[in-house]
PDB file of N, CA and C in Angstrom:
ATOM      1  N   UNK A   1     -77.895 -52.829-116.451  1.00  0.00           N
ATOM      2  CA  UNK A   1     -76.707 -52.551-117.263  1.00  0.00           C
ATOM      3  C   UNK A   1     -77.165 -51.750-118.529  1.00  0.00           C
ATOM      4  N   UNK A   2     -76.456 -50.764-118.885  1.00  0.00           N
ATOM      5  CA  UNK A   2     -76.733 -49.873-120.039  1.00  0.00           C
ATOM      6  C   UNK A   2     -76.201 -50.591-121.436  1.00  0.00           C
ATOM      7  N   UNK A   3     -76.842 -50.202-122.525  1.00  0.00           N
ATOM      8  CA  UNK A   3     -76.436 -50.965-123.775  1.00  0.00           C
ATOM      9  C   UNK A   3     -74.974 -50.942-124.124  1.00  0.00           C
ATOM     10  N   UNK A   4     -74.492 -49.923-123.989  1.00  0.00           N
ATOM     11  CA  UNK A   4     -72.837 -49.743-124.102  1.00  0.00           C
ATOM     12  C   UNK A   4     -72.127 -50.673-123.290  1.00  0.00           C
ATOM     13  N   UNK A   5     -72.470 -50.825-121.996  1.00  0.00           N
ATOM     14  CA  UNK A   5     -71.807 -51.787-121.149  1.00  0.00           C
ATOM     15  C   UNK A   5     -71.936 -53.128-121.753  1.00  0.00           C
ATOM     16  N   UNK A   6     -73.404 -53.571-121.983  1.00  0.00           N
ATOM     17  CA  UNK A   6     -73.428 -54.843-122.466  1.00  0.00           C
ATOM     18  C   UNK A   6     -72.725 -55.220-123.830  1.00  0.00           C
ATOM     19  N   UNK A   7     -72.937 -54.120-124.758  1.00  0.00           N
ATOM     20  CA  UNK A   7     -72.163 -54.535-125.796  1.00  0.00           C
ATOM     21  C   UNK A   7     -70.729 -54.818-125.832  1.00  0.00           C
ATOM     22  N   UNK A   8     -70.047 -53.956-124.787  1.00  0.00           N
ATOM     23  CA  UNK A   8     -68.583 -54.189-124.557  1.00  0.00           C
ATOM     24  C   UNK A   8     -68.239 -55.489-123.814  1.00  0.00           C
ATOM     25  N   UNK A   9     -69.171 -55.853-123.128  1.00  0.00           N
ATOM     26  CA  UNK A   9     -69.063 -57.404-122.451  1.00  0.00           C
ATOM     27  C   UNK A   9     -69.280 -58.324-123.487  1.00  0.00           C
ATOM     28  N   UNK A  10     -70.202 -58.317-124.190  1.00  0.00           N
ATOM     29  CA  UNK A  10     -70.678 -59.343-125.310  1.00  0.00           C
ATOM     30  C   UNK A  10     -69.531 -59.324-126.212  1.00  0.00           C
ATOM     31  N   UNK A  11     -69.062 -58.070-126.639  1.00  0.00           N
ATOM     32  CA  UNK A  11     -67.898 -58.150-127.668  1.00  0.00           C
ATOM     33  C   UNK A  11     -66.644 -58.857-127.125  1.00  0.00           C
ATOM     34  N   UNK A  12     -66.362 -58.611-125.768  1.00  0.00           N
ATOM     35  CA  UNK A  12     -65.102 -59.384-125.246  1.00  0.00           C
ATOM     36  C   UNK A  12     -65.283 -60.672-125.131  1.00  0.00           C
ATOM     37  N   UNK A  13     -66.632 -61.305-125.038  1.00  0.00           N
ATOM     38  CA  UNK A  13     -66.926 -62.580-124.933  1.00  0.00           C
ATOM     39  C   UNK A  13     -66.638 -63.169-126.252  1.00  0.00           C
ATOM     40  N   UNK A  14     -67.049 -62.621-127.197  1.00  0.00           N
ATOM     41  CA  UNK A  14     -66.865 -62.943-128.573  1.00  0.00           C
ATOM     42  C   UNK A  14     -65.452 -63.078-128.983  1.00  0.00           C
ATOM     43  N   UNK A  15     -64.750 -62.198-128.650  1.00  0.00           N
ATOM     44  CA  UNK A  15     -63.259 -62.249-128.857  1.00  0.00           C
ATOM     45  C   UNK A  15     -62.576 -63.336-128.159  1.00  0.00           C
ATOM     46  N   UNK A  16     -63.053 -63.634-126.910  1.00  0.00           N
ATOM     47  CA  UNK A  16     -62.435 -64.749-126.126  1.00  0.00           C
ATOM     48  C   UNK A  16     -62.776 -65.966-126.953  1.00  0.00           C
ATOM     49  N   UNK A  17     -64.161 -66.157-127.371  1.00  0.00           N
ATOM     50  CA  UNK A  17     -64.454 -67.278-128.031  1.00  0.00           C
ATOM     51  C   UNK A  17     -63.640 -67.436-129.475  1.00  0.00           C
ATOM     52  N   UNK A  18     -63.246 -66.438-130.012  1.00  0.00           N
ATOM     53  CA  UNK A  18     -62.453 -66.324-131.297  1.00  0.00           C
ATOM     54  C   UNK A  18     -60.983 -67.077-130.759  1.00  0.00           C
ATOM     55  N   UNK A  19     -60.517 -66.404-129.771  1.00  0.00           N
ATOM     56  CA  UNK A  19     -59.084 -66.794-129.570  1.00  0.00           C
ATOM     57  C   UNK A  19     -59.035 -68.451-129.133  1.00  0.00           C
ATOM     58  N   UNK A  20     -60.308 -68.737-128.238  1.00  0.00           N
ATOM     59  CA  UNK A  20     -60.412 -70.176-128.103  1.00  0.00           C
ATOM     60  C   UNK A  20     -60.492 -71.156-129.149  1.00  0.00           C
ATOM     61  N   UNK A  21     -61.301 -70.680-130.095  1.00  0.00           N
ATOM     62  CA  UNK A  21     -61.131 -71.507-131.398  1.00  0.00           C
ATOM     63  C   UNK A  21     -59.753 -71.469-131.985  1.00  0.00           C
ATOM     64  N   UNK A  22     -58.975 -70.359-131.921  1.00  0.00           N
ATOM     65  CA  UNK A  22     -57.912 -70.602-132.480  1.00  0.00           C
ATOM     66  C   UNK A  22     -56.762 -71.349-131.681  1.00  0.00           C
ATOM     67  N   UNK A  23     -56.864 -71.381-130.365  1.00  0.00           N
ATOM     68  CA  UNK A  23     -56.064 -72.282-129.658  1.00  0.00           C
ATOM     69  C   UNK A  23     -56.462 -73.673-129.618  1.00  0.00           C
ATOM     70  N   UNK A  24     -57.712 -73.968-129.964  1.00  0.00           N
ATOM     71  CA  UNK A  24     -58.146 -75.306-130.072  1.00  0.00           C
ATOM     72  C   UNK A  24     -57.496 -76.202-131.134  1.00  0.00           C
ATOM     73  N   UNK A  25     -57.151 -75.436-132.248  1.00  0.00           N
ATOM     74  CA  UNK A  25     -56.589 -76.024-133.507  1.00  0.00           C
ATOM     75  C   UNK A  25     -57.505 -76.831-134.264  1.00  0.00           C
ATOM     76  N   UNK A  26     -58.813 -76.473-133.891  1.00  0.00           N
ATOM     77  CA  UNK A  26     -59.979 -76.956-134.843  1.00  0.00           C
ATOM     78  C   UNK A  26     -59.832 -76.605-136.233  1.00  0.00           C
ATOM     79  N   UNK A  27     -60.238 -77.436-137.092  1.00  0.00           N
ATOM     80  CA  UNK A  27     -60.358 -76.987-138.597  1.00  0.00           C
ATOM     81  C   UNK A  27     -61.439 -76.489-139.063  1.00  0.00           C
ATOM     82  N   UNK A  28     -61.612 -75.164-138.889  1.00  0.00           N
ATOM     83  CA  UNK A  28     -62.697 -74.451-139.381  1.00  0.00           C
ATOM     84  C   UNK A  28     -62.457 -72.929-139.697  1.00  0.00           C
ATOM     85  N   UNK A  29     -63.350 -72.295-140.347  1.00  0.00           N
ATOM     86  CA  UNK A  29     -63.165 -70.845-140.373  1.00  0.00           C
ATOM     87  C   UNK A  29     -64.003 -70.028-139.588  1.00  0.00           C
ATOM     88  N   UNK A  30     -63.645 -68.794-139.103  1.00  0.00           N
ATOM     89  CA  UNK A  30     -64.549 -68.032-138.435  1.00  0.00           C
ATOM     90  C   UNK A  30     -63.991 -66.422-138.486  1.00  0.00           C
ATOM     91  N   UNK A  31     -65.074 -65.705-138.247  1.00  0.00           N
ATOM     92  CA  UNK A  31     -64.967 -64.255-138.482  1.00  0.00           C
ATOM     93  C   UNK A  31     -65.982 -63.608-137.666  1.00  0.00           C
ATOM     94  N   UNK A  32     -65.266 -62.557-136.954  1.00  0.00           N
ATOM     95  CA  UNK A  32     -66.399 -61.661-136.129  1.00  0.00           C
ATOM     96  C   UNK A  32     -66.828 -60.607-137.124  1.00  0.00           C
ATOM     97  N   UNK A  33     -67.777 -60.482-137.270  1.00  0.00           N
ATOM     98  CA  UNK A  33     -68.613 -59.451-138.342  1.00  0.00           C
ATOM     99  C   UNK A  33     -68.957 -58.258-137.525  1.00  0.00           C
ATOM    100  N   UNK A  34     -69.234 -57.241-138.133  1.00  0.00           N
ATOM    101  CA  UNK A  34     -69.998 -56.055-137.493  1.00  0.00           C
ATOM    102  C   UNK A  34     -71.165 -56.348-136.840  1.00  0.00           C
ATOM    103  N   UNK A  35     -71.562 -55.671-135.923  1.00  0.00           N
ATOM    104  CA  UNK A  35     -72.640 -55.784-135.074  1.00  0.00           C
ATOM    105  C   UNK A  35     -72.713 -56.903-133.920  1.00  0.00           C
ATOM    106  N   UNK A  36     -71.447 -57.401-133.829  1.00  0.00           N
ATOM    107  CA  UNK A  36     -71.139 -58.348-132.660  1.00  0.00           C
ATOM    108  C   UNK A  36     -71.894 -59.807-133.130  1.00  0.00           C
ATOM    109  N   UNK A  37     -71.322 -60.315-134.241  1.00  0.00           N
ATOM    110  CA  UNK A  37     -71.663 -61.562-134.993  1.00  0.00           C
ATOM    111  C   UNK A  37     -70.380 -62.378-135.163  1.00  0.00           C
ATOM    112  N   UNK A  38     -70.192 -63.524-134.647  1.00  0.00           N
ATOM    113  CA  UNK A  38     -69.060 -64.511-134.994  1.00  0.00           C
ATOM    114  C   UNK A  38     -69.721 -65.685-135.727  1.00  0.00           C
ATOM    115  N   UNK A  39     -69.216 -65.705-136.954  1.00  0.00           N
ATOM    116  CA  UNK A  39     -69.825 -66.801-137.978  1.00  0.00           C
ATOM    117  C   UNK A  39     -68.690 -67.694-138.000  1.00  0.00           C
ATOM    118  N   UNK A  40     -68.865 -69.135-137.639  1.00  0.00           N
ATOM    119  CA  UNK A  40     -68.184 -70.190-137.886  1.00  0.00           C
ATOM    120  C   UNK A  40     -68.621 -71.056-138.850  1.00  0.00           C
ATOM    121  N   UNK A  41     -67.647 -71.558-139.713  1.00  0.00           N
ATOM    122  CA  UNK A  41     -68.118 -72.200-140.779  1.00  0.00           C
ATOM    123  C   UNK A  41     -67.095 -73.640-140.601  1.00  0.00           C
ATOM    124  N   UNK A  42     -67.747 -74.892-140.626  1.00  0.00           N
ATOM    125  CA  UNK A  42     -66.977 -76.162-140.506  1.00  0.00           C
ATOM    126  C   UNK A  42     -66.775 -76.686-141.886  1.00  0.00           C
ATOM    127  N   UNK A  43     -65.684 -77.723-141.780  1.00  0.00           N
ATOM    128  CA  UNK A  43     -65.248 -78.285-143.174  1.00  0.00           C
ATOM    129  C   UNK A  43     -66.456 -78.866-143.958  1.00  0.00           C
ATOM    130  N   UNK A  44     -67.599 -79.459-143.267  1.00  0.00           N
ATOM    131  CA  UNK A  44     -68.582 -79.972-144.124  1.00  0.00           C
ATOM    132  C   UNK A  44     -69.654 -78.934-144.517  1.00  0.00           C
ATOM    133  N   UNK A  45     -69.199 -77.526-144.318  1.00  0.00           N
ATOM    134  CA  UNK A  45     -70.046 -76.422-144.905  1.00  0.00           C
ATOM    135  C   UNK A  45     -71.158 -75.953-143.959  1.00  0.00           C
ATOM    136  N   UNK A  46     -71.281 -76.687-142.825  1.00  0.00           N
ATOM    137  CA  UNK A  46     -72.346 -76.123-141.791  1.00  0.00           C
ATOM    138  C   UNK A  46     -71.902 -75.085-141.219  1.00  0.00           C
ATOM    139  N   UNK A  47     -72.845 -74.172-140.488  1.00  0.00           N
ATOM    140  CA  UNK A  47     -72.405 -73.012-139.892  1.00  0.00           C
ATOM    141  C   UNK A  47     -72.896 -73.031-138.366  1.00  0.00           C
ATOM    142  N   UNK A  48     -72.236 -72.172-137.659  1.00  0.00           N
ATOM    143  CA  UNK A  48     -72.755 -71.700-136.277  1.00  0.00           C
ATOM    144  C   UNK A  48     -72.607 -70.251-135.973  1.00  0.00           C
ATOM    145  N   UNK A  49     -73.644 -69.700-135.507  1.00  0.00           N
ATOM    146  CA  UNK A  49     -73.564 -68.303-135.340  1.00  0.00           C
ATOM    147  C   UNK A  49     -73.666 -67.991-133.906  1.00  0.00           C
ATOM    148  N   UNK A  50     -72.430 -67.239-133.529  1.00  0.00           N
ATOM    149  CA  UNK A  50     -72.701 -66.607-131.867  1.00  0.00           C
ATOM    150  C   UNK A  50     -72.556 -65.220-132.042  1.00  0.00           C
ATOM    151  N   UNK A  51     -73.904 -64.504-131.405  1.00  0.00           N
ATOM    152  CA  UNK A  51     -73.937 -63.134-131.620  1.00  0.00           C
ATOM    153  C   UNK A  51     -74.507 -62.641-130.395  1.00  0.00           C
ATOM    154  N   UNK A  52     -74.266 -61.195-130.331  1.00  0.00           N
ATOM    155  CA  UNK A  52     -74.901 -60.368-129.169  1.00  0.00           C
ATOM    156  C   UNK A  52     -76.267 -60.065-129.381  1.00  0.00           C
ATOM    157  N   UNK A  53     -77.172 -60.177-128.670  1.00  0.00           N
ATOM    158  CA  UNK A  53     -78.533 -59.634-128.633  1.00  0.00           C
ATOM    159  C   UNK A  53     -78.684 -58.477-127.863  1.00  0.00           C
ATOM    160  N   UNK A  54     -78.678 -57.231-128.151  1.00  0.00           N
ATOM    161  CA  UNK A  54     -78.505 -56.104-127.328  1.00  0.00           C
ATOM    162  C   UNK A  54     -80.008 -55.910-126.640  1.00  0.00           C
ATOM    163  N   UNK A  55     -80.792 -56.063-127.372  1.00  0.00           N
ATOM    164  CA  UNK A  55     -82.151 -55.763-126.785  1.00  0.00           C
ATOM    165  C   UNK A  55     -82.386 -56.836-125.581  1.00  0.00           C
ATOM    166  N   UNK A  56     -82.324 -58.051-125.645  1.00  0.00           N
ATOM    167  CA  UNK A  56     -82.404 -59.033-124.598  1.00  0.00           C
ATOM    168  C   UNK A  56     -81.145 -58.941-123.618  1.00  0.00           C
ATOM    169  N   UNK A  57     -80.092 -58.396-124.029  1.00  0.00           N
ATOM    170  CA  UNK A  57     -78.995 -58.216-123.305  1.00  0.00           C
ATOM    171  C   UNK A  57     -78.536 -59.882-123.055  1.00  0.00           C
ATOM    172  N   UNK A  58     -78.356 -60.546-124.218  1.00  0.00           N
ATOM    173  CA  UNK A  58     -77.900 -61.884-124.224  1.00  0.00           C
ATOM    174  C   UNK A  58     -77.021 -62.320-125.346  1.00  0.00           C
ATOM    175  N   UNK A  59     -76.261 -63.304-125.198  1.00  0.00           N
ATOM    176  CA  UNK A  59     -75.689 -63.854-126.335  1.00  0.00           C
ATOM    177  C   UNK A  59     -76.169 -65.073-126.700  1.00  0.00           C
ATOM    178  N   UNK A  60     -76.663 -65.160-128.268  1.00  0.00           N
ATOM    179  CA  UNK A  60     -77.302 -66.151-128.632  1.00  0.00           C
ATOM    180  C   UNK A  60     -76.295 -66.905-129.498  1.00  0.00           C
ATOM    181  N   UNK A  61     -76.707 -68.312-129.577  1.00  0.00           N
ATOM    182  CA  UNK A  61     -75.928 -69.207-130.193  1.00  0.00           C
ATOM    183  C   UNK A  61     -76.917 -70.152-131.377  1.00  0.00           C
ATOM    184  N   UNK A  62     -76.807 -70.094-132.417  1.00  0.00           N
ATOM    185  CA  UNK A  62     -77.617 -70.693-133.470  1.00  0.00           C
ATOM    186  C   UNK A  62     -76.698 -71.870-134.149  1.00  0.00           C
ATOM    187  N   UNK A  63     -76.915 -73.239-133.690  1.00  0.00           N
ATOM    188  CA  UNK A  63     -75.956 -74.432-134.122  1.00  0.00           C
ATOM    189  C   UNK A  63     -77.089 -75.347-134.699  1.00  0.00           C
ATOM    190  N   UNK A  64     -76.349 -76.243-135.219  1.00  0.00           N
ATOM    191  CA  UNK A  64     -77.106 -77.329-136.012  1.00  0.00           C
ATOM    192  C   UNK A  64     -78.212 -78.194-134.822  1.00  0.00           C
ATOM    193  N   UNK A  65     -77.601 -78.068-133.725  1.00  0.00           N
ATOM    194  CA  UNK A  65     -78.451 -78.799-132.805  1.00  0.00           C
ATOM    195  C   UNK A  65     -79.483 -78.024-132.066  1.00  0.00           C
ATOM    196  N   UNK A  66     -79.508 -76.598-132.388  1.00  0.00           N
ATOM    197  CA  UNK A  66     -80.636 -75.784-132.075  1.00  0.00           C
ATOM    198  C   UNK A  66     -80.091 -74.413-131.488  1.00  0.00           C
ATOM    199  N   UNK A  67     -80.980 -73.580-130.986  1.00  0.00           N
ATOM    200  CA  UNK A  67     -80.751 -72.449-130.465  1.00  0.00           C
ATOM    201  C   UNK A  67     -80.650 -72.104-128.904  1.00  0.00           C
ATOM    202  N   UNK A  68     -79.539 -71.319-128.594  1.00  0.00           N
ATOM    203  CA  UNK A  68     -79.252 -71.325-126.964  1.00  0.00           C
ATOM    204  C   UNK A  68     -79.163 -69.838-126.770  1.00  0.00           C
ATOM    205  N   UNK A  69     -79.578 -69.459-125.549  1.00  0.00           N
ATOM    206  CA  UNK A  69     -79.487 -68.162-125.159  1.00  0.00           C
ATOM    207  C   UNK A  69     -78.580 -68.010-123.833  1.00  0.00           C
ATOM    208  N   UNK A  70     -77.748 -66.996-123.679  1.00  0.00           N
ATOM    209  CA  UNK A  70     -76.907 -66.744-122.578  1.00  0.00           C
ATOM    210  C   UNK A  70     -77.058 -65.570-122.064  1.00  0.00           C
ATOM    211  N   UNK A  71     -77.133 -65.482-120.656  1.00  0.00           N
ATOM    212  CA  UNK A  71     -77.225 -64.113-119.996  1.00  0.00           C
ATOM    213  C   UNK A  71     -76.015 -64.062-118.966  1.00  0.00           C
ATOM    214  N   UNK A  72     -75.455 -62.917-118.747  1.00  0.00           N
ATOM    215  CA  UNK A  72     -74.497 -62.526-117.815  1.00  0.00           C
ATOM    216  C   UNK A  72     -75.016 -62.890-116.459  1.00  0.00           C
ATOM    217  N   UNK A  73     -74.182 -63.849-115.657  1.00  0.00           N
ATOM    218  CA  UNK A  73     -74.427 -64.021-114.378  1.00  0.00           C
ATOM    219  C   UNK A  73     -73.264 -63.607-113.500  1.00  0.00           C
ATOM    220  N   UNK A  74     -73.134 -62.417-113.016  1.00  0.00           N
ATOM    221  CA  UNK A  74     -71.876 -62.076-112.403  1.00  0.00           C
ATOM    222  C   UNK A  74     -70.759 -61.807-113.568  1.00  0.00           C
ATOM    223  N   UNK A  75     -69.775 -62.696-113.604  1.00  0.00           N
ATOM    224  CA  UNK A  75     -68.798 -62.545-114.743  1.00  0.00           C
ATOM    225  C   UNK A  75     -68.917 -63.744-115.610  1.00  0.00           C
ATOM    226  N   UNK A  76     -69.914 -64.727-115.461  1.00  0.00           N
ATOM    227  CA  UNK A  76     -70.074 -65.779-116.591  1.00  0.00           C
ATOM    228  C   UNK A  76     -71.270 -65.673-117.268  1.00  0.00           C
ATOM    229  N   UNK A  77     -71.322 -66.160-118.400  1.00  0.00           N
ATOM    230  CA  UNK A  77     -72.435 -66.305-119.440  1.00  0.00           C
ATOM    231  C   UNK A  77     -73.013 -67.583-119.201  1.00  0.00           C
ATOM    232  N   UNK A  78     -74.187 -67.795-118.763  1.00  0.00           N
ATOM    233  CA  UNK A  78     -74.760 -68.935-118.429  1.00  0.00           C
ATOM    234  C   UNK A  78     -76.030 -69.288-119.316  1.00  0.00           C
ATOM    235  N   UNK A  79     -76.276 -70.447-119.711  1.00  0.00           N
ATOM    236  CA  UNK A  79     -77.563 -70.737-120.803  1.00  0.00           C
ATOM    237  C   UNK A  79     -78.854 -70.489-119.859  1.00  0.00           C
ATOM    238  N   UNK A  80     -79.676 -69.746-120.477  1.00  0.00           N
ATOM    239  CA  UNK A  80     -80.953 -69.405-119.671  1.00  0.00           C
ATOM    240  C   UNK A  80     -81.899 -70.482-119.340  1.00  0.00           C
ATOM    241  N   UNK A  81     -81.646 -71.482-119.910  1.00  0.00           N
ATOM    242  CA  UNK A  81     -82.550 -72.858-119.839  1.00  0.00           C
ATOM    243  C   UNK A  81     -81.993 -73.831-118.784  1.00  0.00           C
ATOM    244  N   UNK A  82     -80.621 -73.990-118.712  1.00  0.00           N
ATOM    245  CA  UNK A  82     -79.964 -75.199-117.882  1.00  0.00           C
ATOM    246  C   UNK A  82     -78.808 -74.609-117.097  1.00  0.00           C
ATOM    247  N   UNK A  83     -78.513 -73.428-117.296  1.00  0.00           N
ATOM    248  CA  UNK A  83     -77.193 -72.783-116.449  1.00  0.00           C
ATOM    249  C   UNK A  83     -75.999 -73.185-116.752  1.00  0.00           C
ATOM    250  N   UNK A  84     -75.815 -73.821-118.110  1.00  0.00           N
ATOM    251  CA  UNK A  84     -74.380 -74.216-118.494  1.00  0.00           C
ATOM    252  C   UNK A  84     -73.578 -72.943-118.997  1.00  0.00           C
ATOM    253  N   UNK A  85     -72.538 -72.944-118.655  1.00  0.00           N
ATOM    254  CA  UNK A  85     -71.473 -71.897-118.882  1.00  0.00           C
ATOM    255  C   UNK A  85     -71.206 -71.853-120.469  1.00  0.00           C
ATOM    256  N   UNK A  86     -71.061 -70.631-120.904  1.00  0.00           N
ATOM    257  CA  UNK A  86     -70.888 -70.248-122.572  1.00  0.00           C
ATOM    258  C   UNK A  86     -69.781 -71.295-122.980  1.00  0.00           C
ATOM    259  N   UNK A  87     -68.761 -71.362-122.433  1.00  0.00           N
ATOM    260  CA  UNK A  87     -67.576 -72.125-123.203  1.00  0.00           C
ATOM    261  C   UNK A  87     -67.848 -73.486-122.945  1.00  0.00           C
ATOM    262  N   UNK A  88     -68.412 -73.953-121.907  1.00  0.00           N
ATOM    263  CA  UNK A  88     -68.743 -75.491-121.902  1.00  0.00           C
ATOM    264  C   UNK A  88     -69.752 -75.675-122.848  1.00  0.00           C
ATOM    265  N   UNK A  89     -70.881 -75.102-123.150  1.00  0.00           N
ATOM    266  CA  UNK A  89     -71.843 -75.341-123.927  1.00  0.00           C
ATOM    267  C   UNK A  89     -71.164 -75.254-125.466  1.00  0.00           C
ATOM    268  N   UNK A  90     -70.394 -74.182-125.812  1.00  0.00           N
ATOM    269  CA  UNK A  90     -69.844 -74.146-126.979  1.00  0.00           C
ATOM    270  C   UNK A  90     -68.872 -75.220-127.292  1.00  0.00           C
ATOM    271  N   UNK A  91     -68.042 -75.745-126.632  1.00  0.00           N
ATOM    272  CA  UNK A  91     -67.232 -76.893-126.538  1.00  0.00           C
ATOM    273  C   UNK A  91     -68.113 -78.168-127.126  1.00  0.00           C
ATOM    274  N   UNK A  92     -68.982 -78.331-126.445  1.00  0.00           N
ATOM    275  CA  UNK A  92     -69.889 -79.257-126.774  1.00  0.00           C
ATOM    276  C   UNK A  92     -70.797 -79.094-128.173  1.00  0.00           C
ATOM    277  N   UNK A  93     -71.295 -78.167-128.594  1.00  0.00           N
ATOM    278  CA  UNK A  93     -71.902 -77.849-129.821  1.00  0.00           C
ATOM    279  C   UNK A  93     -70.798 -77.762-130.861  1.00  0.00           C
ATOM    280  N   UNK A  94     -69.546 -77.354-130.705  1.00  0.00           N
ATOM    281  CA  UNK A  94     -68.632 -77.316-131.845  1.00  0.00           C
ATOM    282  C   UNK A  94     -68.064 -78.818-132.016  1.00  0.00           C
ATOM    283  N   UNK A  95     -67.909 -79.524-131.006  1.00  0.00           N
ATOM    284  CA  UNK A  95     -67.504 -80.856-131.028  1.00  0.00           C
ATOM    285  C   UNK A  95     -68.631 -81.594-131.870  1.00  0.00           C
ATOM    286  N   UNK A  96     -69.981 -81.279-131.589  1.00  0.00           N
ATOM    287  CA  UNK A  96     -71.007 -82.198-132.237  1.00  0.00           C
ATOM    288  C   UNK A  96     -70.911 -81.696-133.799  1.00  0.00           C
ATOM    289  N   UNK A  97     -70.693 -80.672-134.117  1.00  0.00           N
ATOM    290  CA  UNK A  97     -70.808 -79.855-135.434  1.00  0.00           C
ATOM    291  C   UNK A  97     -69.565 -80.344-136.327  1.00  0.00           C
ATOM    292  N   UNK A  98     -68.461 -80.208-135.613  1.00  0.00           N
ATOM    293  CA  UNK A  98     -67.215 -80.644-136.260  1.00  0.00           C
ATOM    294  C   UNK A  98     -66.753 -82.109-136.310  1.00  0.00           C
ATOM    295  N   UNK A  99     -67.502 -82.804-135.482  1.00  0.00           N
ATOM    296  CA  UNK A  99     -67.372 -84.467-135.563  1.00  0.00           C
ATOM    297  C   UNK A  99     -66.073 -84.688-134.752  1.00  0.00           C
ATOM    298  N   UNK A 100     -65.538 -83.973-133.971  1.00  0.00           N
ATOM    299  CA  UNK A 100     -64.258 -84.252-133.346  1.00  0.00           C
ATOM    300  C   UNK A 100     -64.246 -83.421-132.111  1.00  0.00           C
ATOM    301  N   UNK A 101     -63.918 -84.009-130.991  1.00  0.00           N
ATOM    302  CA  UNK A 101     -63.608 -83.429-129.530  1.00  0.00           C
ATOM    303  C   UNK A 101     -63.180 -82.180-129.639  1.00  0.00           C
ATOM    304  N   UNK A 102     -63.588 -81.208-129.200  1.00  0.00           N
ATOM    305  CA  UNK A 102     -63.100 -79.890-129.030  1.00  0.00           C
ATOM    306  C   UNK A 102     -63.438 -79.234-127.502  1.00  0.00           C
ATOM    307  N   UNK A 103     -62.372 -78.756-126.898  1.00  0.00           N
ATOM    308  CA  UNK A 103     -62.467 -78.118-125.656  1.00  0.00           C
ATOM    309  C   UNK A 103     -62.058 -76.621-125.846  1.00  0.00           C
ATOM    310  N   UNK A 104     -63.118 -75.734-125.596  1.00  0.00           N
ATOM    311  CA  UNK A 104     -62.808 -74.237-125.886  1.00  0.00           C
ATOM    312  C   UNK A 104     -62.762 -73.756-124.346  1.00  0.00           C
ATOM    313  N   UNK A 105     -61.538 -73.029-124.219  1.00  0.00           N
ATOM    314  CA  UNK A 105     -61.167 -72.677-122.811  1.00  0.00           C
ATOM    315  C   UNK A 105     -61.208 -71.022-122.863  1.00  0.00           C
ATOM    316  N   UNK A 106     -61.807 -70.448-121.934  1.00  0.00           N
ATOM    317  CA  UNK A 106     -61.959 -68.859-121.780  1.00  0.00           C
ATOM    318  C   UNK A 106     -60.483 -68.651-121.262  1.00  0.00           C
ATOM    319  N   UNK A 107     -60.083 -67.441-121.752  1.00  0.00           N
ATOM    320  CA  UNK A 107     -58.690 -67.071-121.174  1.00  0.00           C
ATOM    321  C   UNK A 107     -58.609 -66.275-119.922  1.00  0.00           C
TER     322      UNK A 107
END
């Protein structure tokens, strides 16, 4: 896959995460910044960053619980270590960091 195709697919995934955060009703702030970076700030001031990493052609997540890398497998972004799908992993990480159960659904 070329860089522009990857960037388009990764940016689409970030937009879907943003819409999922909105639909979840969680009390946090988020913003998609230039360069494919989704910055999430929780009520306690902690942050989570979801960004595209074009060189590796992965989506990276930096959360309080650690760092996670996701690669495109067909139409799904999956964790390179355990195969967990991006939205399932983010639901878990966001729930942990927010201190309340959150389910993020891809649209």
